[in-house]
Amino acid sequence: MPHDTPLIATIVAGLGLAFVFGALANRFRIPPLVGYLVAGVLVGPNTPGFVADAGLANELAEIGVILLMFGVGLHFSLKDLLSVRAIAVPGAIVQIGFATALGAGLAWMLGWSMGAGLVFGLALSVASTVVLLRALQERRLIETERGRIAVGWLIVEDLAMVLALVLLPALAGVLGGQQ
């Protein structure tokens, strides 16, 4: 009786390649994250060779994002955010607005719709909280005032993006997209 094992094949290929390319990146003194990204590209549908089950890979990626955000939550508390709110909240809001406007302007110059430009601009305005946390941990800066401000800033960005992702489907019709 034959068995199809796409879950096991996807996990083994992803973790195996991530280990190999993460180790290679580390050997060349590049952050292992670069190796992990290369592994993801190699397992993806746009490269020859093994192609992971796309639906299953998307579900595993969502689980990975949940675990990453859980890890971020372990490193930062509401008390820490409130202690840096005078800098982090207005700074993050201004930065999101400025980057979104630049991205939307570029998209407009390329002939994109207003909705596509807004989504593009929002995507440009978000930094990776997990990458910054890792860099701060490696440099032992996470407990410093600047570290708390940086993480607080990114937490505000993450919360703003959650709000944007919730509102975008509701605004899709107004922005020229499909609901």
C-alpha atoms as a PDB file:
ATOM      1  CA  MET A   1       0.000   0.000   0.000  1.00  0.00           C
ATOM      2  CA  PRO A   2       1.724   3.250  -1.152  1.00  0.00           C
ATOM      3  CA  HIS A   3       1.760   6.279   1.124  1.00  0.00           C
ATOM      4  CA  ASP A   4       2.142   9.889   0.100  1.00  0.00           C
ATOM      5  CA  THR A   5       4.157  11.901   2.622  1.00  0.00           C
ATOM      6  CA  PRO A   6       4.262  15.542   1.482  1.00  0.00           C
ATOM      7  CA  LEU A   7       4.409  16.846   5.073  1.00  0.00           C
ATOM      8  CA  ILE A   8       7.514  14.851   5.951  1.00  0.00           C
ATOM      9  CA  ALA A   9       9.178  15.583   2.598  1.00  0.00           C
ATOM     10  CA  THR A  10       8.529  19.326   2.931  1.00  0.00           C
ATOM     11  CA  ILE A  11       9.802  19.499   6.502  1.00  0.00           C
ATOM     12  CA  VAL A  12      12.893  17.387   5.804  1.00  0.00           C
ATOM     13  CA  ALA A  13      13.795  19.307   2.643  1.00  0.00           C
ATOM     14  CA  GLY A  14      13.214  22.679   4.277  1.00  0.00           C
ATOM     15  CA  LEU A  15      15.086  21.934   7.483  1.00  0.00           C
ATOM     16  CA  GLY A  16      17.873  20.045   5.712  1.00  0.00           C
ATOM     17  CA  LEU A  17      18.551  22.841   3.232  1.00  0.00           C
ATOM     18  CA  ALA A  18      18.165  25.476   5.956  1.00  0.00           C
ATOM     19  CA  PHE A  19      20.796  23.668   8.026  1.00  0.00           C
ATOM     20  CA  VAL A  20      23.224  23.324   5.111  1.00  0.00           C
ATOM     21  CA  PHE A  21      22.871  26.880   3.830  1.00  0.00           C
ATOM     22  CA  GLY A  22      22.685  28.355   7.339  1.00  0.00           C
ATOM     23  CA  ALA A  23      25.958  26.613   8.186  1.00  0.00           C
ATOM     24  CA  LEU A  24      27.541  27.814   4.922  1.00  0.00           C
ATOM     25  CA  ALA A  25      26.432  31.372   5.597  1.00  0.00           C
ATOM     26  CA  ASN A  26      27.807  31.172   9.129  1.00  0.00           C
ATOM     27  CA  ARG A  27      31.097  29.807   7.773  1.00  0.00           C
ATOM     28  CA  PHE A  28      31.414  32.839   5.475  1.00  0.00           C
ATOM     29  CA  ARG A  29      30.528  35.145   8.400  1.00  0.00           C
ATOM     30  CA  ILE A  30      27.159  36.035   6.925  1.00  0.00           C
ATOM     31  CA  PRO A  31      24.075  35.911   9.168  1.00  0.00           C
ATOM     32  CA  PRO A  32      22.494  32.422   9.024  1.00  0.00           C
ATOM     33  CA  LEU A  33      19.210  34.066   8.059  1.00  0.00           C
ATOM     34  CA  VAL A  34      20.651  34.647   4.576  1.00  0.00           C
ATOM     35  CA  GLY A  35      21.280  30.911   4.260  1.00  0.00           C
ATOM     36  CA  TYR A  36      17.740  30.169   5.417  1.00  0.00           C
ATOM     37  CA  LEU A  37      16.353  32.500   2.753  1.00  0.00           C
ATOM     38  CA  VAL A  38      18.443  30.805   0.059  1.00  0.00           C
ATOM     39  CA  ALA A  39      17.130  27.427   1.230  1.00  0.00           C
ATOM     40  CA  GLY A  40      13.562  28.720   0.955  1.00  0.00           C
ATOM     41  CA  VAL A  41      14.176  29.902  -2.591  1.00  0.00           C
ATOM     42  CA  LEU A  42      15.667  26.540  -3.575  1.00  0.00           C
ATOM     43  CA  VAL A  43      12.652  24.627  -2.246  1.00  0.00           C
ATOM     44  CA  GLY A  44      10.263  27.076  -3.904  1.00  0.00           C
ATOM     45  CA  PRO A  45       8.339  26.543  -7.125  1.00  0.00           C
ATOM     46  CA  ASN A  46      10.548  28.817  -9.244  1.00  0.00           C
ATOM     47  CA  THR A  47      13.725  26.738  -9.093  1.00  0.00           C
ATOM     48  CA  PRO A  48      14.502  23.360 -10.647  1.00  0.00           C
ATOM     49  CA  GLY A  49      14.673  20.227  -8.545  1.00  0.00           C
ATOM     50  CA  PHE A  50      12.589  19.390  -5.494  1.00  0.00           C
ATOM     51  CA  VAL A  51       9.527  21.603  -5.140  1.00  0.00           C
ATOM     52  CA  ALA A  52       7.718  21.571  -1.821  1.00  0.00           C
ATOM     53  CA  ASP A  53       3.949  21.221  -1.660  1.00  0.00           C
ATOM     54  CA  ALA A  54       2.977  24.911  -1.927  1.00  0.00           C
ATOM     55  CA  GLY A  55      -0.212  24.669   0.137  1.00  0.00           C
ATOM     56  CA  LEU A  56       1.527  22.768   2.882  1.00  0.00           C
ATOM     57  CA  ALA A  57       4.520  25.107   2.817  1.00  0.00           C
ATOM     58  CA  ASN A  58       2.194  28.096   3.267  1.00  0.00           C
ATOM     59  CA  GLU A  59       0.578  26.460   6.297  1.00  0.00           C
ATOM     60  CA  LEU A  60       3.980  25.661   7.806  1.00  0.00           C
ATOM     61  CA  ALA A  61       5.092  29.255   7.134  1.00  0.00           C
ATOM     62  CA  GLU A  62       2.056  30.564   9.005  1.00  0.00           C
ATOM     63  CA  ILE A  63       2.924  28.337  11.966  1.00  0.00           C
ATOM     64  CA  GLY A  64       6.481  29.682  11.790  1.00  0.00           C
ATOM     65  CA  VAL A  65       5.247  33.283  11.875  1.00  0.00           C
ATOM     66  CA  ILE A  66       3.088  32.473  14.895  1.00  0.00           C
ATOM     67  CA  LEU A  67       6.092  30.994  16.687  1.00  0.00           C
ATOM     68  CA  LEU A  68       8.272  33.989  15.757  1.00  0.00           C
ATOM     69  CA  MET A  69       5.700  36.436  17.091  1.00  0.00           C
ATOM     70  CA  PHE A  70       5.391  34.352  20.251  1.00  0.00           C
ATOM     71  CA  GLY A  71       9.157  34.678  20.656  1.00  0.00           C
ATOM     72  CA  VAL A  72       8.909  38.453  20.198  1.00  0.00           C
ATOM     73  CA  GLY A  73       6.194  38.549  22.850  1.00  0.00           C
ATOM     74  CA  LEU A  74       8.487  36.749  25.279  1.00  0.00           C
ATOM     75  CA  HIS A  75      11.105  39.492  24.930  1.00  0.00           C
ATOM     76  CA  PHE A  76       8.915  42.532  25.327  1.00  0.00           C
ATOM     77  CA  SER A  77       6.223  43.511  27.794  1.00  0.00           C
ATOM     78  CA  LEU A  78       3.534  46.163  27.800  1.00  0.00           C
ATOM     79  CA  LYS A  79       5.419  47.892  30.622  1.00  0.00           C
ATOM     80  CA  ASP A  80       8.498  48.173  28.369  1.00  0.00           C
ATOM     81  CA  LEU A  81       6.393  49.582  25.537  1.00  0.00           C
ATOM     82  CA  LEU A  82       4.758  52.130  27.832  1.00  0.00           C
ATOM     83  CA  SER A  83       8.175  53.234  29.117  1.00  0.00           C
ATOM     84  CA  VAL A  84       9.303  54.189  25.584  1.00  0.00           C
ATOM     85  CA  ARG A  85       5.939  55.276  24.172  1.00  0.00           C
ATOM     86  CA  ALA A  86       6.913  58.959  23.924  1.00  0.00           C
ATOM     87  CA  ILE A  87       9.540  58.073  21.290  1.00  0.00           C
ATOM     88  CA  ALA A  88       8.380  54.758  19.831  1.00  0.00           C
ATOM     89  CA  VAL A  89       4.738  55.557  19.043  1.00  0.00           C
ATOM     90  CA  PRO A  90       5.122  58.887  17.205  1.00  0.00           C
ATOM     91  CA  GLY A  91       8.370  57.757  15.584  1.00  0.00           C
ATOM     92  CA  ALA A  92       6.851  54.549  14.249  1.00  0.00           C
ATOM     93  CA  ILE A  93       3.728  56.319  13.004  1.00  0.00           C
ATOM     94  CA  VAL A  94       5.732  59.003  11.176  1.00  0.00           C
ATOM     95  CA  GLN A  95       8.076  56.389   9.707  1.00  0.00           C
ATOM     96  CA  ILE A  96       5.167  54.206   8.526  1.00  0.00           C
ATOM     97  CA  GLY A  97       3.425  57.210   6.977  1.00  0.00           C
ATOM     98  CA  PHE A  98       6.576  58.469   5.243  1.00  0.00           C
ATOM     99  CA  ALA A  99       7.608  55.053   3.879  1.00  0.00           C
ATOM    100  CA  THR A 100       4.047  54.292   2.783  1.00  0.00           C
ATOM    101  CA  ALA A 101       3.810  57.631   0.976  1.00  0.00           C
ATOM    102  CA  LEU A 102       7.154  57.043  -0.778  1.00  0.00           C
ATOM    103  CA  GLY A 103       6.120  53.532  -1.819  1.00  0.00           C
ATOM    104  CA  ALA A 104       2.698  54.683  -2.997  1.00  0.00           C
ATOM    105  CA  GLY A 105       4.321  57.539  -4.941  1.00  0.00           C
ATOM    106  CA  LEU A 106       6.706  55.140  -6.659  1.00  0.00           C
ATOM    107  CA  ALA A 107       3.824  52.779  -7.452  1.00  0.00           C
ATOM    108  CA  TRP A 108       1.808  55.691  -8.869  1.00  0.00           C
ATOM    109  CA  MET A 109       4.761  56.653 -11.116  1.00  0.00           C
ATOM    110  CA  LEU A 110       4.847  53.038 -12.333  1.00  0.00           C
ATOM    111  CA  GLY A 111       1.151  53.226 -13.200  1.00  0.00           C
ATOM    112  CA  TRP A 112      -0.154  51.020 -10.409  1.00  0.00           C
ATOM    113  CA  SER A 113      -3.573  51.483  -8.858  1.00  0.00           C
ATOM    114  CA  MET A 114      -4.018  53.405  -5.612  1.00  0.00           C
ATOM    115  CA  GLY A 115      -4.729  50.195  -3.693  1.00  0.00           C
ATOM    116  CA  ALA A 116      -1.660  48.423  -5.057  1.00  0.00           C
ATOM    117  CA  GLY A 117       0.457  51.468  -4.206  1.00  0.00           C
ATOM    118  CA  LEU A 118      -0.870  51.566  -0.659  1.00  0.00           C
ATOM    119  CA  VAL A 119      -0.135  47.882  -0.103  1.00  0.00           C
ATOM    120  CA  PHE A 120       3.329  48.284  -1.634  1.00  0.00           C
ATOM    121  CA  GLY A 121       4.042  51.302   0.562  1.00  0.00           C
ATOM    122  CA  LEU A 122       2.852  49.498   3.682  1.00  0.00           C
ATOM    123  CA  ALA A 123       5.064  46.531   2.833  1.00  0.00           C
ATOM    124  CA  LEU A 124       8.054  48.853   2.519  1.00  0.00           C
ATOM    125  CA  SER A 125       7.313  50.505   5.848  1.00  0.00           C
ATOM    126  CA  VAL A 126       7.644  47.371   7.946  1.00  0.00           C
ATOM    127  CA  ALA A 127      10.946  46.187   9.394  1.00  0.00           C
ATOM    128  CA  SER A 128      11.569  42.695  10.699  1.00  0.00           C
ATOM    129  CA  THR A 129      11.146  42.662  14.451  1.00  0.00           C
ATOM    130  CA  VAL A 130      12.608  39.177  14.721  1.00  0.00           C
ATOM    131  CA  VAL A 131      15.765  40.085  12.787  1.00  0.00           C
ATOM    132  CA  LEU A 132      16.305  43.179  14.932  1.00  0.00           C
ATOM    133  CA  LEU A 133      15.728  41.210  18.140  1.00  0.00           C
ATOM    134  CA  ARG A 134      18.318  38.680  17.060  1.00  0.00           C
ATOM    135  CA  ALA A 135      20.845  41.403  16.200  1.00  0.00           C
ATOM    136  CA  LEU A 136      20.247  43.181  19.525  1.00  0.00           C
ATOM    137  CA  GLN A 137      20.629  39.912  21.433  1.00  0.00           C
ATOM    138  CA  GLU A 138      23.917  39.108  19.707  1.00  0.00           C
ATOM    139  CA  ARG A 139      25.268  42.529  20.672  1.00  0.00           C
ATOM    140  CA  ARG A 140      23.743  42.388  24.178  1.00  0.00           C
ATOM    141  CA  LEU A 141      21.862  45.630  23.585  1.00  0.00           C
ATOM    142  CA  ILE A 142      18.325  44.452  24.230  1.00  0.00           C
ATOM    143  CA  GLU A 143      18.278  45.694  27.840  1.00  0.00           C
ATOM    144  CA  THR A 144      19.666  49.122  27.002  1.00  0.00           C
ATOM    145  CA  GLU A 145      17.471  52.189  26.565  1.00  0.00           C
ATOM    146  CA  ARG A 146      18.179  52.290  22.830  1.00  0.00           C
ATOM    147  CA  GLY A 147      17.364  48.589  22.538  1.00  0.00           C
ATOM    148  CA  ARG A 148      14.027  49.041  24.306  1.00  0.00           C
ATOM    149  CA  ILE A 149      13.211  52.014  22.077  1.00  0.00           C
ATOM    150  CA  ALA A 150      14.077  50.063  18.919  1.00  0.00           C
ATOM    151  CA  VAL A 151      12.015  47.055  19.940  1.00  0.00           C
ATOM    152  CA  GLY A 152       9.133  49.273  21.084  1.00  0.00           C
ATOM    153  CA  TRP A 153       9.210  51.068  17.730  1.00  0.00           C
ATOM    154  CA  LEU A 154       8.979  47.757  15.886  1.00  0.00           C
ATOM    155  CA  ILE A 155       6.199  46.481  18.145  1.00  0.00           C
ATOM    156  CA  VAL A 156       4.193  49.605  17.265  1.00  0.00           C
ATOM    157  CA  GLU A 157       4.906  48.897  13.572  1.00  0.00           C
ATOM    158  CA  ASP A 158       3.722  45.304  13.991  1.00  0.00           C
ATOM    159  CA  LEU A 159       0.514  46.419  15.698  1.00  0.00           C
ATOM    160  CA  ALA A 160      -0.107  48.980  12.956  1.00  0.00           C
ATOM    161  CA  MET A 161       0.387  46.291  10.300  1.00  0.00           C
ATOM    162  CA  VAL A 162      -2.098  43.999  12.041  1.00  0.00           C
ATOM    163  CA  LEU A 163      -4.612  46.854  11.929  1.00  0.00           C
ATOM    164  CA  ALA A 164      -3.780  47.512   8.256  1.00  0.00           C
ATOM    165  CA  LEU A 165      -4.202  43.833   7.357  1.00  0.00           C
ATOM    166  CA  VAL A 166      -7.586  43.776   9.061  1.00  0.00           C
ATOM    167  CA  LEU A 167      -8.756  46.972   7.319  1.00  0.00           C
ATOM    168  CA  LEU A 168      -7.391  46.315   3.803  1.00  0.00           C
ATOM    169  CA  PRO A 169     -10.039  43.728   2.796  1.00  0.00           C
ATOM    170  CA  ALA A 170     -12.790  46.076   3.978  1.00  0.00           C
ATOM    171  CA  LEU A 171     -11.276  48.949   1.968  1.00  0.00           C
ATOM    172  CA  ALA A 172     -10.499  46.878  -1.137  1.00  0.00           C
ATOM    173  CA  GLY A 173     -13.512  48.158  -3.062  1.00  0.00           C
ATOM    174  CA  VAL A 174     -12.677  51.801  -2.321  1.00  0.00           C
ATOM    175  CA  LEU A 175      -9.022  51.253  -3.294  1.00  0.00           C
ATOM    176  CA  GLY A 176      -9.866  49.716  -6.669  1.00  0.00           C
ATOM    177  CA  GLY A 177      -9.342  46.060  -5.778  1.00  0.00           C
ATOM    178  CA  GLN A 178     -11.599  43.081  -5.412  1.00  0.00           C
ATOM    179  CA  GLN A 179     -13.219  42.077  -2.146  1.00  0.00           C
END
